[in-house]
Amino acid sequence: MEKKKYLKLMGLSLASVSLLAACGGDSEESKKGTTGSDGQVLNLVESAELPTMDSALATDAVSFNVMNNVNEGLYRQGPDGELVLGMAAEEPKVSEDGLTYTFKIREDAVWSNGDPVTANDFVFSWRRLVNPETAAEYSYMIDGVVKNATAILTGEMAPTELGITATDDKTLEIQLEKAVPYFESLTTLSMFFPQNEAYVTEQGDAYASDSDHVLYNGPFVLDEWDGTGLSWVMNKNEDYWDADAVELDAVNIDVIKETSTALNLYDTGSIDRMILSGDYVQTQQGNPDLKTQPTSTVAYLKFNQERNGEETALANENIRKAIAMAFDKQAYVDTVLQNGSIPANGLVPESLAVDPATGEDYREQNGDLLKFDKKQAQEYFAKGLQELGVDSLSLEILSDDTENAKKSIEFLQGQLTQNLPGLEITLRNVPFKVRLDANSNQDYDIQLSLWGADYADPINFLELFQSENGNNKSGYNSADYDALIESAQTNVTDLDSRWEDMLDAEKVLMDDAGIAPIYQRAYAVLEKDYVKDFTTYLVGAEWSLKWTSVTK
């Protein structure tokens, strides 16, 4: 079907891995990843903690990846990125105007406590997502899509007025505000997953606080996660409707932030797959386990223009432009990342979406909008300082505490202070969850941020910086930008005009230096040859293990 082609074209794990296992090959830990009496076990690492298991509150790649494997929406992405049925028993009936979808829920779909998955589980979850009291940052995904969502989010209507109804236990009717060409792909995302109302209500504040206070309806169930996010296990869900397709019995995941430590674990056979960075990539050239994994993720500097209710120096456009143009992006990807990532001179990544009329890639069509230019950056900086009435400026860059993040902002610190005399840069590396909190509270000067596509449409990146978007959290506000995004969000029948709106919107954002794009990420991956069908995606969750096996 055409919708399946659309998603395809549109287009981050485990009982604890003991560090002692890196020192020898005889421990039980070193035997993981084999097929034997204990079944198929895959051992992975993550670079950041698991912040939450509440699908309404998740905002990060780690949470999305886990949820994609332990829960399931109406659809999920298949092995090739195509849409395949999940909790939906069959393709929906769609009204002629494209505004009403009727889904049948699988009769054999059950929660991990034995309760059947019902249409009301989706009604409850979606109403909770849109309820202002939930304060779900990802509620913008439903805003303007499902009928009445906008009015509910602004407090003008009750959540019960959302355009989603359970006409019976297994029949779900969804009414849209307007025809949305990518609506079905949205249902693969965790914020649209169902939740068991009786269970969530019973658990109260304990809900999703650890792996024992969540229900699961996907290929795996989460275990041994205590809420700190330092390690967890995903075990096969024997009650999953498609359990016969799931070959892995367990997936062990640990948070390892140092590439050197992870590489030691990989070399001793304690883990089966890892992501390399920096100089470590060069040490693995010629290794048959080395692979490149493309992504749609773009890294950028986020400028906080308002802090504690007061305007910051970064509200000055010339200061933002100076910083955005004062670091060598090619040198960064060549010397710091070394993993196939490429410089980014716009927000929307390449290979995400194409012009509906010409088939030309969005990134190629809009070109390089905010490039490295030291001389121009210095001119902007001098002008900005003059406008601020100061002769120097001290700013802080916030990032995660991973090895790669530390090296990244050290590079940026060197470039910015060298190329912009009078600028002092201090660095703050914090755990992933702490950075998310700082972002939510706008408690930062400059933040190293990343965004990966939820679905393959430029609007998924561009809408982030609407003035009223919950993910903005930077104080960027442009009436021209807002108008273009609003037009692109509502004008879904004239695709050519909509495309032009999105091209123009990115130009406005880059001309304002609302953000400073850095690079589009690729992963250099080491993967054991006995790992089969580890499925990765350009949009949505980064990976799925439903079809993965470990066969030595």
Protein backbone atom coordinates (compact mmCIF):
# COMPACT_ATOMS: atom_id res chain seq x y z
CA MET A 1 0.00 0.00 0.00
CA GLU A 2 1.06 3.58 -0.58
CA LYS A 3 1.28 4.38 3.13
CA LYS A 4 3.80 1.61 3.65
CA LYS A 5 5.99 2.93 0.88
CA TYR A 6 5.72 6.38 2.48
CA LEU A 7 7.17 5.22 5.80
CA LYS A 8 9.94 3.26 4.11
CA LEU A 9 10.99 6.17 1.96
CA MET A 10 10.75 8.51 4.88
CA GLY A 11 12.53 7.22 6.61
CA LEU A 12 20.05 3.02 21.19
CA SER A 13 20.96 -3.03 26.69
CA LEU A 14 20.72 -6.78 30.05
CA ALA A 15 21.71 -8.53 33.46
CA SER A 16 24.73 -6.53 34.55
CA VAL A 17 27.87 -7.09 32.51
CA SER A 18 30.60 -7.31 35.13
CA LEU A 19 33.62 -5.22 34.40
CA LEU A 20 35.63 -8.15 35.74
CA ALA A 21 34.58 -10.09 32.67
CA ALA A 22 36.82 -7.82 30.63
CA CYS A 23 39.80 -9.26 32.46
CA GLY A 24 39.23 -12.91 31.73
CA GLY A 25 37.28 -15.33 29.56
CA ASP A 26 36.24 -17.96 32.06
CA SER A 27 33.49 -16.16 33.95
CA GLU A 28 29.81 -16.79 33.36
CA GLU A 29 29.55 -13.22 32.03
CA SER A 30 31.96 -14.00 29.21
CA LYS A 31 29.68 -16.81 28.03
CA LYS A 32 26.76 -14.53 27.24
CA GLY A 33 25.67 -14.23 23.66
CA THR A 34 25.65 -17.95 22.96
CA THR A 35 22.84 -20.36 22.21
CA GLY A 36 22.60 -23.15 24.72
CA SER A 37 20.42 -24.62 27.44
CA ASP A 38 19.61 -21.10 28.61
CA GLY A 39 18.44 -20.10 25.14
CA GLN A 40 19.43 -17.17 22.99
CA VAL A 41 20.87 -14.22 24.93
CA LEU A 42 22.01 -10.92 23.43
CA ASN A 43 24.29 -8.58 25.38
CA LEU A 44 24.30 -4.86 24.59
CA VAL A 45 25.44 -1.55 26.06
CA GLU A 46 23.81 1.85 26.18
CA SER A 47 25.62 5.16 26.64
CA ALA A 48 22.95 6.78 28.82
CA GLU A 49 20.51 5.94 31.60
CA LEU A 50 16.91 4.92 31.08
CA PRO A 51 15.02 7.98 32.38
CA THR A 52 11.43 6.70 32.34
CA MET A 53 9.13 3.88 31.30
CA ASP A 54 6.01 6.05 31.15
CA SER A 55 5.20 6.21 27.46
CA ALA A 56 3.41 9.53 27.93
CA LEU A 57 6.48 11.19 29.44
CA ALA A 58 9.39 9.74 27.45
CA THR A 59 11.40 12.20 25.36
CA ASP A 60 14.68 10.38 24.70
CA ALA A 61 16.15 7.72 22.43
CA VAL A 62 16.99 5.26 25.24
CA SER A 63 13.39 5.20 26.50
CA PHE A 64 11.99 4.99 22.98
CA ASN A 65 14.21 2.02 22.12
CA VAL A 66 13.24 0.05 25.22
CA MET A 67 9.55 0.87 24.83
CA ASN A 68 9.63 -0.15 21.18
CA ASN A 69 10.71 -3.63 22.28
CA VAL A 70 8.51 -4.16 25.33
CA ASN A 71 5.34 -2.45 24.12
CA GLU A 72 3.45 -2.07 20.89
CA GLY A 73 1.04 0.35 19.28
CA LEU A 74 -1.47 -0.11 16.49
CA TYR A 75 1.42 -0.48 14.05
CA ARG A 76 5.16 -1.11 14.37
CA GLN A 77 7.98 -0.75 11.89
CA GLY A 78 8.89 -3.98 10.12
CA PRO A 79 12.33 -5.39 9.28
CA ASP A 80 12.71 -3.02 6.34
CA GLY A 81 11.12 0.03 7.96
CA GLU A 82 7.73 -0.70 6.44
CA LEU A 83 4.52 -0.44 8.44
CA VAL A 84 3.30 -3.78 9.81
CA LEU A 85 0.29 -4.47 12.00
CA GLY A 86 0.82 -4.41 15.75
CA MET A 87 -2.15 -4.28 18.11
CA ALA A 88 -4.34 -3.67 15.07
CA ALA A 89 -5.84 -6.93 13.85
CA GLU A 90 -6.26 -5.62 10.32
CA GLU A 91 -5.89 -2.51 8.22
CA PRO A 92 -8.26 0.24 9.40
CA LYS A 93 -11.35 1.40 7.63
CA VAL A 94 -10.77 5.00 6.56
CA SER A 95 -13.54 7.44 5.64
CA GLU A 96 -13.51 9.04 2.21
CA ASP A 97 -12.43 12.40 3.62
CA GLY A 98 -9.51 10.72 5.44
CA LEU A 99 -10.69 12.03 8.81
CA THR A 100 -12.05 8.90 10.50
CA TYR A 101 -10.07 5.69 11.14
CA THR A 102 -11.68 2.56 12.57
CA PHE A 103 -9.35 -0.10 13.95
CA LYS A 104 -10.03 -3.59 15.23
CA ILE A 105 -7.80 -4.64 18.14
CA ARG A 106 -6.35 -8.16 18.14
CA GLU A 107 -8.37 -10.71 20.05
CA ASP A 108 -5.12 -12.42 21.16
CA ALA A 109 -3.41 -9.25 22.41
CA VAL A 110 -2.82 -9.33 26.19
CA TRP A 111 -0.94 -7.38 28.83
CA SER A 112 1.79 -9.01 30.88
CA ASN A 113 -0.63 -9.36 33.81
CA GLY A 114 -3.05 -11.34 31.63
CA ASP A 115 -5.56 -8.56 30.96
CA PRO A 116 -6.69 -8.25 27.34
CA VAL A 117 -5.53 -5.22 25.39
CA THR A 118 -8.68 -3.27 24.58
CA ALA A 119 -9.69 -0.26 22.56
CA ASN A 120 -10.16 1.63 25.82
CA ASP A 121 -6.44 1.20 26.58
CA PHE A 122 -5.74 3.47 23.62
CA VAL A 123 -8.49 5.92 24.61
CA PHE A 124 -7.07 6.19 28.15
CA SER A 125 -3.48 6.57 26.98
CA TRP A 126 -4.20 9.20 24.34
CA ARG A 127 -6.39 11.21 26.70
CA ARG A 128 -3.60 11.07 29.28
CA LEU A 129 -1.09 12.26 26.68
CA VAL A 130 -3.20 15.28 25.78
CA ASN A 131 -4.24 16.14 29.36
CA PRO A 132 -2.40 19.33 30.42
CA GLU A 133 -2.02 17.86 33.93
CA THR A 134 0.25 15.13 32.53
CA ALA A 135 2.63 17.80 31.19
CA ALA A 136 3.77 15.48 28.41
CA GLU A 137 6.44 17.21 26.32
CA TYR A 138 5.56 14.98 23.37
CA SER A 139 1.92 16.01 23.45
CA TYR A 140 2.73 18.25 20.51
CA MET A 141 2.73 15.09 18.38
CA ILE A 142 -1.02 14.80 18.80
CA ASP A 143 -1.66 18.55 18.72
CA GLY A 144 -3.52 19.46 15.55
CA VAL A 145 -3.70 15.82 14.50
CA VAL A 146 -6.48 14.19 16.52
CA LYS A 147 -9.74 16.11 16.77
CA ASN A 148 -9.96 18.58 19.67
CA ALA A 149 -6.39 17.90 20.85
CA THR A 150 -5.42 21.56 20.50
CA ALA A 151 -8.36 22.82 22.54
CA ILE A 152 -7.70 20.22 25.25
CA LEU A 153 -4.03 21.10 25.50
CA THR A 154 -4.92 24.77 26.00
CA GLY A 155 -7.50 23.91 28.66
CA GLU A 156 -10.49 24.92 26.59
CA MET A 157 -11.95 21.41 26.47
CA ALA A 158 -11.83 18.30 28.66
CA PRO A 159 -9.65 15.29 27.70
CA THR A 160 -12.81 13.27 27.28
CA GLU A 161 -13.57 15.38 24.21
CA LEU A 162 -10.56 14.01 22.33
CA GLY A 163 -11.49 12.44 19.01
CA ILE A 164 -10.91 8.84 20.08
CA THR A 165 -13.65 6.43 21.11
CA ALA A 166 -13.94 2.75 22.02
CA THR A 167 -17.19 1.70 20.37
CA ASP A 168 -16.71 -1.72 21.96
CA ASP A 169 -13.86 -3.60 23.68
CA LYS A 170 -12.09 -4.31 20.40
CA THR A 171 -13.19 -1.45 18.14
CA LEU A 172 -11.37 1.88 18.16
CA GLU A 173 -12.58 4.94 16.27
CA ILE A 174 -10.22 7.89 15.76
CA GLN A 175 -11.27 11.24 14.33
CA LEU A 176 -8.60 13.53 12.94
CA GLU A 177 -8.56 17.32 12.83
CA LYS A 178 -7.38 17.17 9.25
CA ALA A 179 -6.13 14.53 6.84
CA VAL A 180 -2.59 13.61 7.90
CA PRO A 181 -0.59 11.62 5.34
CA TYR A 182 1.70 10.11 7.97
CA PHE A 183 -0.92 9.41 10.67
CA GLU A 184 -0.53 5.64 10.68
CA SER A 185 3.25 5.95 11.11
CA LEU A 186 2.65 8.07 14.22
CA THR A 187 1.01 5.08 15.90
CA THR A 188 4.37 3.25 15.91
CA LEU A 189 5.69 5.86 18.37
CA SER A 190 5.67 5.25 22.12
CA MET A 191 3.55 8.26 23.08
CA PHE A 192 0.71 6.62 21.12
CA PHE A 193 1.08 3.23 22.83
CA PRO A 194 -1.85 1.92 24.91
CA GLN A 195 -1.90 1.96 28.71
CA ASN A 196 -4.05 -0.21 31.00
CA GLU A 197 -6.25 2.29 32.83
CA ALA A 198 -7.02 0.09 35.87
CA TYR A 199 -3.32 -0.71 36.36
CA VAL A 200 -2.04 2.84 35.94
CA THR A 201 -4.69 4.14 38.33
CA GLU A 202 -3.95 1.43 40.91
CA GLN A 203 -0.20 2.09 40.85
CA GLY A 204 -0.57 5.84 41.27
CA ASP A 205 2.77 7.60 41.76
CA ALA A 206 4.58 4.23 41.66
CA TYR A 207 3.58 3.71 38.04
CA ALA A 208 6.62 3.27 35.76
CA SER A 209 9.00 3.90 38.69
CA ASP A 210 10.76 0.57 38.01
CA SER A 211 10.28 -2.51 35.85
CA ASP A 212 7.86 -4.09 38.37
CA HIS A 213 5.40 -1.24 38.06
CA VAL A 214 4.75 -1.28 34.30
CA LEU A 215 2.72 -3.58 32.07
CA TYR A 216 3.98 -4.85 28.73
CA ASN A 217 2.29 -5.93 25.51
CA GLY A 218 5.28 -6.20 23.15
CA PRO A 219 7.83 -8.83 22.14
CA PHE A 220 9.73 -8.52 25.45
CA VAL A 221 9.11 -7.62 29.08
CA LEU A 222 11.41 -5.37 31.08
CA ASP A 223 13.08 -6.78 34.22
CA GLU A 224 15.78 -5.77 36.73
CA TRP A 225 15.43 -2.03 36.15
CA ASP A 226 15.31 -0.29 39.53
CA GLY A 227 14.50 3.16 38.22
CA THR A 228 18.08 4.40 38.18
CA GLY A 229 18.52 3.26 34.62
CA LEU A 230 22.03 1.81 35.06
CA SER A 231 21.16 -1.70 33.86
CA TRP A 232 18.14 -3.66 32.79
CA VAL A 233 17.04 -6.92 31.16
CA MET A 234 14.47 -7.59 28.47
CA ASN A 235 13.09 -11.13 28.56
CA LYS A 236 10.96 -12.71 25.87
CA ASN A 237 7.26 -12.12 26.40
CA GLU A 238 5.74 -15.58 26.02
CA ASP A 239 2.25 -14.06 25.97
CA TYR A 240 2.98 -11.69 23.05
CA TRP A 241 0.60 -12.33 20.18
CA ASP A 242 3.49 -12.96 17.76
CA ALA A 243 5.83 -14.72 20.23
CA ASP A 244 6.67 -17.39 17.64
CA ALA A 245 8.52 -14.74 15.61
CA VAL A 246 10.71 -13.77 18.59
CA GLU A 247 13.88 -15.87 18.80
CA LEU A 248 15.80 -14.10 21.57
CA ASP A 249 15.12 -15.31 25.10
CA ALA A 250 16.83 -12.43 26.88
CA VAL A 251 18.60 -9.15 26.20
CA ASN A 252 21.02 -7.83 28.84
CA ILE A 253 21.77 -4.10 28.80
CA ASP A 254 24.27 -2.04 30.79
CA VAL A 255 25.04 1.66 30.68
CA ILE A 256 28.72 1.99 29.74
CA LYS A 257 29.78 5.58 29.08
CA GLU A 258 33.45 4.95 28.25
CA THR A 259 34.13 3.56 24.79
CA SER A 260 37.37 1.95 26.02
CA THR A 261 35.46 -0.04 28.64
CA ALA A 262 32.84 -1.16 26.15
CA LEU A 263 35.52 -2.18 23.67
CA ASN A 264 37.23 -4.34 26.31
CA LEU A 265 33.90 -6.03 26.97
CA TYR A 266 33.36 -6.56 23.25
CA ASP A 267 36.83 -8.02 22.73
CA THR A 268 36.33 -10.53 25.56
CA GLY A 269 32.91 -11.59 24.23
CA SER A 270 30.93 -10.06 27.10
CA ILE A 271 28.88 -7.89 24.76
CA ASP A 272 27.75 -8.55 21.22
CA ARG A 273 27.30 -5.12 19.71
CA MET A 274 28.59 -1.61 20.46
CA ILE A 275 28.96 1.83 18.95
CA LEU A 276 32.45 3.21 18.42
CA SER A 277 33.55 6.81 18.44
CA GLY A 278 36.59 8.96 17.81
CA ASP A 279 40.00 7.37 17.57
CA TYR A 280 38.58 3.95 18.39
CA VAL A 281 37.05 3.76 14.92
CA GLN A 282 40.46 3.97 13.32
CA THR A 283 41.78 1.11 15.46
CA GLN A 284 39.11 -1.18 14.02
CA GLN A 285 39.72 -0.56 10.32
CA GLY A 286 39.87 -3.94 8.62
CA ASN A 287 37.81 -5.64 11.33
CA PRO A 288 34.99 -7.55 9.57
CA ASP A 289 32.73 -6.75 12.54
CA LEU A 290 32.90 -3.02 11.72
CA LYS A 291 29.74 -1.60 10.13
CA THR A 292 28.31 1.85 9.39
CA GLN A 293 24.77 2.61 10.54
CA PRO A 294 23.22 5.75 9.01
CA THR A 295 20.78 7.78 11.10
CA SER A 296 18.52 10.80 10.70
CA THR A 297 19.83 12.37 13.93
CA VAL A 298 21.13 15.93 13.77
CA ALA A 299 23.25 17.46 16.55
CA TYR A 300 23.04 21.19 17.19
CA LEU A 301 23.78 23.86 19.75
CA LYS A 302 20.65 25.13 21.43
CA PHE A 303 20.80 28.76 22.55
CA ASN A 304 18.84 29.68 25.68
CA GLN A 305 17.53 33.20 25.15
CA GLU A 306 15.63 33.47 28.44
CA ARG A 307 16.71 32.20 31.87
CA ASN A 308 14.93 32.67 35.19
CA GLY A 309 12.57 35.08 33.49
CA GLU A 310 15.33 37.33 32.20
CA GLU A 311 16.70 37.82 28.70
CA THR A 312 20.20 36.38 28.20
CA ALA A 313 23.10 37.50 26.03
CA LEU A 314 22.03 34.78 23.59
CA ALA A 315 18.88 36.74 22.84
CA ASN A 316 21.23 38.85 20.73
CA GLU A 317 21.06 37.57 17.16
CA ASN A 318 24.61 38.61 16.32
CA ILE A 319 26.02 36.68 19.28
CA ARG A 320 24.12 33.58 18.17
CA LYS A 321 25.29 33.94 14.59
CA ALA A 322 28.88 34.42 15.74
CA ILE A 323 28.85 31.21 17.77
CA ALA A 324 27.03 29.27 15.07
CA MET A 325 29.67 30.16 12.47
CA ALA A 326 32.82 30.01 14.61
CA PHE A 327 33.60 26.28 14.68
CA ASP A 328 34.93 24.01 11.94
CA LYS A 329 32.35 21.27 11.48
CA GLN A 330 34.41 19.25 9.01
CA ALA A 331 37.34 19.20 11.42
CA TYR A 332 34.94 18.11 14.15
CA VAL A 333 33.58 15.07 12.32
CA ASP A 334 37.05 14.18 11.01
CA THR A 335 38.93 14.43 14.29
CA VAL A 336 36.38 13.90 17.08
CA LEU A 337 33.74 11.56 15.65
CA GLN A 338 35.55 9.71 12.86
CA ASN A 339 32.51 7.48 12.36
CA GLY A 340 31.00 8.54 9.05
CA SER A 341 29.01 11.46 10.43
CA ILE A 342 28.82 14.51 8.16
CA PRO A 343 28.70 18.29 8.79
CA ALA A 344 25.21 19.76 9.07
CA ASN A 345 24.46 23.25 7.80
CA GLY A 346 20.72 23.06 8.34
CA LEU A 347 18.32 21.39 10.77
CA VAL A 348 16.64 18.87 8.46
CA PRO A 349 18.89 15.87 7.68
CA GLU A 350 19.66 14.49 4.28
CA SER A 351 17.85 11.37 3.00
CA LEU A 352 14.78 12.05 5.15
CA ALA A 353 12.27 13.36 2.65
CA VAL A 354 12.00 14.44 -0.97
CA ASP A 355 10.16 17.16 -2.88
CA PRO A 356 6.76 15.70 -3.83
CA ALA A 357 7.01 17.29 -7.25
CA THR A 358 10.64 16.73 -8.24
CA GLY A 359 11.89 13.96 -5.97
CA GLU A 360 14.85 16.13 -4.92
CA ASP A 361 16.13 15.58 -1.39
CA TYR A 362 15.13 18.36 1.05
CA ARG A 363 18.67 18.91 2.30
CA GLU A 364 20.12 19.14 -1.19
CA GLN A 365 17.36 21.48 -2.29
CA ASN A 366 17.70 23.91 0.62
CA GLY A 367 21.49 23.73 0.59
CA ASP A 368 23.99 24.89 3.20
CA LEU A 369 22.42 27.64 5.30
CA LEU A 370 24.70 28.17 8.30
CA LYS A 371 28.32 27.30 7.52
CA PHE A 372 31.65 27.74 9.27
CA ASP A 373 33.04 31.20 8.47
CA LYS A 374 35.55 32.51 11.02
CA LYS A 375 35.87 36.01 9.58
CA GLN A 376 32.11 36.53 9.38
CA ALA A 377 31.71 35.06 12.88
CA GLN A 378 34.19 37.56 14.30
CA GLU A 379 32.34 40.45 12.69
CA TYR A 380 29.04 39.28 14.16
CA PHE A 381 30.63 38.81 17.58
CA ALA A 382 32.14 42.30 17.64
CA LYS A 383 28.80 43.79 16.67
CA GLY A 384 26.96 41.72 19.27
CA LEU A 385 29.31 42.75 22.07
CA GLN A 386 28.86 46.38 21.09
CA GLU A 387 25.08 46.03 21.17
CA LEU A 388 25.30 44.42 24.61
CA GLY A 389 27.64 47.14 25.83
CA VAL A 390 30.35 44.71 26.96
CA ASP A 391 33.81 43.78 25.74
CA SER A 392 33.73 40.11 26.73
CA LEU A 393 31.28 37.31 27.37
CA SER A 394 31.30 34.16 29.52
CA LEU A 395 28.99 31.28 28.60
CA GLU A 396 28.60 27.65 29.59
CA ILE A 397 28.02 24.64 27.34
CA LEU A 398 25.89 21.85 28.81
CA SER A 399 26.13 18.27 27.56
CA ASP A 400 25.87 14.64 28.66
CA ASP A 401 28.68 13.00 30.62
CA THR A 402 29.57 10.40 28.01
CA GLU A 403 33.09 10.19 26.65
CA ASN A 404 31.98 11.37 23.23
CA ALA A 405 29.98 14.30 24.62
CA LYS A 406 32.96 15.43 26.71
CA LYS A 407 35.28 15.35 23.70
CA SER A 408 32.69 17.17 21.60
CA ILE A 409 32.25 20.18 23.84
CA GLU A 410 36.00 20.34 24.54
CA PHE A 411 36.48 20.70 20.77
CA LEU A 412 33.80 23.37 20.62
CA GLN A 413 35.32 25.19 23.59
CA GLY A 414 38.68 25.32 21.85
CA GLN A 415 37.25 26.49 18.54
CA LEU A 416 34.95 29.14 20.00
CA THR A 417 37.47 30.70 22.38
CA GLN A 418 40.19 30.69 19.73
CA ASN A 419 38.06 32.10 16.94
CA LEU A 420 36.06 34.59 19.02
CA PRO A 421 38.48 36.63 21.19
CA GLY A 422 36.65 37.89 24.25
CA LEU A 423 34.50 34.75 24.59
CA GLU A 424 35.06 32.51 27.60
CA ILE A 425 33.48 29.05 27.53
CA THR A 426 33.06 26.79 30.54
CA LEU A 427 31.82 23.21 30.32
CA ARG A 428 29.22 21.26 32.29
CA ASN A 429 28.89 17.49 31.73
CA VAL A 430 25.98 15.86 33.53
CA PRO A 431 24.08 12.55 33.41
CA PHE A 432 21.57 12.31 30.60
CA LYS A 433 18.51 12.61 32.85
CA VAL A 434 19.98 15.70 34.54
CA ARG A 435 20.48 17.33 31.14
CA LEU A 436 16.86 16.61 30.24
CA ASP A 437 15.73 18.27 33.47
CA ALA A 438 17.98 21.28 32.81
CA ASN A 439 16.48 21.56 29.34
CA SER A 440 12.91 21.37 30.65
CA ASN A 441 13.67 24.12 33.18
CA GLN A 442 15.69 26.20 30.67
CA ASP A 443 18.57 26.04 33.12
CA TYR A 444 21.46 26.34 30.66
CA ASP A 445 23.27 28.80 28.39
CA ILE A 446 24.20 26.64 25.40
CA GLN A 447 23.21 23.00 25.16
CA LEU A 448 24.56 20.25 22.94
CA SER A 449 21.32 18.65 21.73
CA LEU A 450 20.36 15.97 19.24
CA TRP A 451 17.13 15.17 17.46
CA GLY A 452 16.29 12.07 15.47
CA ALA A 453 13.24 11.78 13.24
CA ASP A 454 10.06 10.30 14.66
CA TYR A 455 8.62 10.11 11.16
CA ALA A 456 9.96 11.00 7.72
CA ASP A 457 8.73 14.52 7.18
CA PRO A 458 10.70 17.79 7.58
CA ILE A 459 7.98 19.18 9.84
CA ASN A 460 9.12 16.73 12.54
CA PHE A 461 12.32 18.77 12.89
CA LEU A 462 11.02 22.20 12.02
CA GLU A 463 8.08 22.26 14.45
CA LEU A 464 10.49 21.86 17.37
CA PHE A 465 11.20 25.57 17.39
CA GLN A 466 7.71 26.98 17.13
CA SER A 467 7.38 29.46 19.96
CA GLU A 468 4.63 27.43 21.64
CA ASN A 469 6.16 23.99 21.10
CA GLY A 470 6.85 22.12 24.34
CA ASN A 471 10.21 20.95 23.03
CA ASN A 472 11.45 24.44 22.17
CA LYS A 473 12.72 25.31 25.67
CA SER A 474 15.07 27.97 24.29
CA GLY A 475 13.02 31.15 24.09
CA TYR A 476 13.35 31.31 20.30
CA ASN A 477 10.34 33.20 18.99
CA SER A 478 9.73 34.28 15.40
CA ALA A 479 6.33 35.29 14.08
CA ASP A 480 7.45 34.58 10.50
CA TYR A 481 8.71 31.13 11.47
CA ASP A 482 5.57 30.30 13.42
CA ALA A 483 3.37 31.31 10.49
CA LEU A 484 5.27 29.10 8.04
CA ILE A 485 5.12 26.10 10.38
CA GLU A 486 1.44 26.66 11.04
CA SER A 487 0.80 26.75 7.31
CA ALA A 488 2.78 23.54 6.72
CA GLN A 489 0.92 21.80 9.55
CA THR A 490 -2.52 22.72 8.26
CA ASN A 491 -2.05 22.80 4.50
CA VAL A 492 -1.83 19.08 3.77
CA THR A 493 -3.69 19.05 0.47
CA ASP A 494 -1.45 21.37 -1.55
CA LEU A 495 1.76 19.40 -1.08
CA ASP A 496 3.86 21.66 -3.29
CA SER A 497 2.94 24.78 -1.31
CA ARG A 498 3.47 22.89 1.95
CA TRP A 499 6.95 21.89 0.81
CA GLU A 500 7.84 25.51 0.02
CA ASP A 501 6.65 26.56 3.47
CA MET A 502 9.01 24.03 5.05
CA LEU A 503 11.95 25.12 2.92
CA ASP A 504 11.32 28.76 3.81
CA ALA A 505 10.87 27.98 7.52
CA GLU A 506 14.31 26.40 7.78
CA LYS A 507 15.82 29.43 6.05
CA VAL A 508 14.24 31.72 8.64
CA LEU A 509 15.50 29.57 11.54
CA MET A 510 19.03 29.47 10.16
CA ASP A 511 19.06 33.17 9.24
CA ASP A 512 18.09 33.93 12.85
CA ALA A 513 20.64 31.40 14.12
CA GLY A 514 17.86 30.08 16.33
CA ILE A 515 20.11 27.05 16.69
CA ALA A 516 23.58 26.12 15.40
CA PRO A 517 23.59 22.80 13.49
CA ILE A 518 26.76 20.72 13.91
CA TYR A 519 26.53 17.30 12.27
CA GLN A 520 24.28 14.53 11.01
CA ARG A 521 25.12 11.39 12.90
CA ALA A 522 26.22 8.04 11.59
CA TYR A 523 27.28 5.18 13.84
CA ALA A 524 30.42 3.13 13.49
CA VAL A 525 29.27 -0.20 14.92
CA LEU A 526 31.00 -3.39 15.98
CA GLU A 527 28.65 -6.35 15.74
CA LYS A 528 29.49 -10.03 16.22
CA ASP A 529 28.93 -12.17 13.15
CA TYR A 530 26.59 -14.46 15.09
CA VAL A 531 24.10 -11.61 15.65
CA LYS A 532 21.50 -11.85 12.91
CA ASP A 533 18.82 -9.38 11.85
CA PHE A 534 19.51 -6.60 14.34
CA THR A 535 17.00 -4.17 12.83
CA THR A 536 17.79 -0.45 12.74
CA TYR A 537 15.65 2.45 11.55
CA LEU A 538 16.08 5.98 10.22
CA VAL A 539 12.90 7.21 11.91
CA GLY A 540 11.21 6.53 15.22
CA ALA A 541 12.95 4.16 17.63
CA GLU A 542 16.49 3.39 16.50
CA TRP A 543 16.24 -0.40 16.72
CA SER A 544 14.02 -3.42 17.16
CA LEU A 545 14.94 -6.92 18.35
CA LYS A 546 11.71 -8.68 17.44
CA TRP A 547 13.37 -10.50 14.56
CA THR A 548 16.92 -10.71 15.96
CA SER A 549 18.68 -14.00 16.72
CA VAL A 550 22.01 -15.14 18.15
CA THR A 551 23.33 -18.17 16.30
CA LYS A 552 26.90 -19.35 16.88
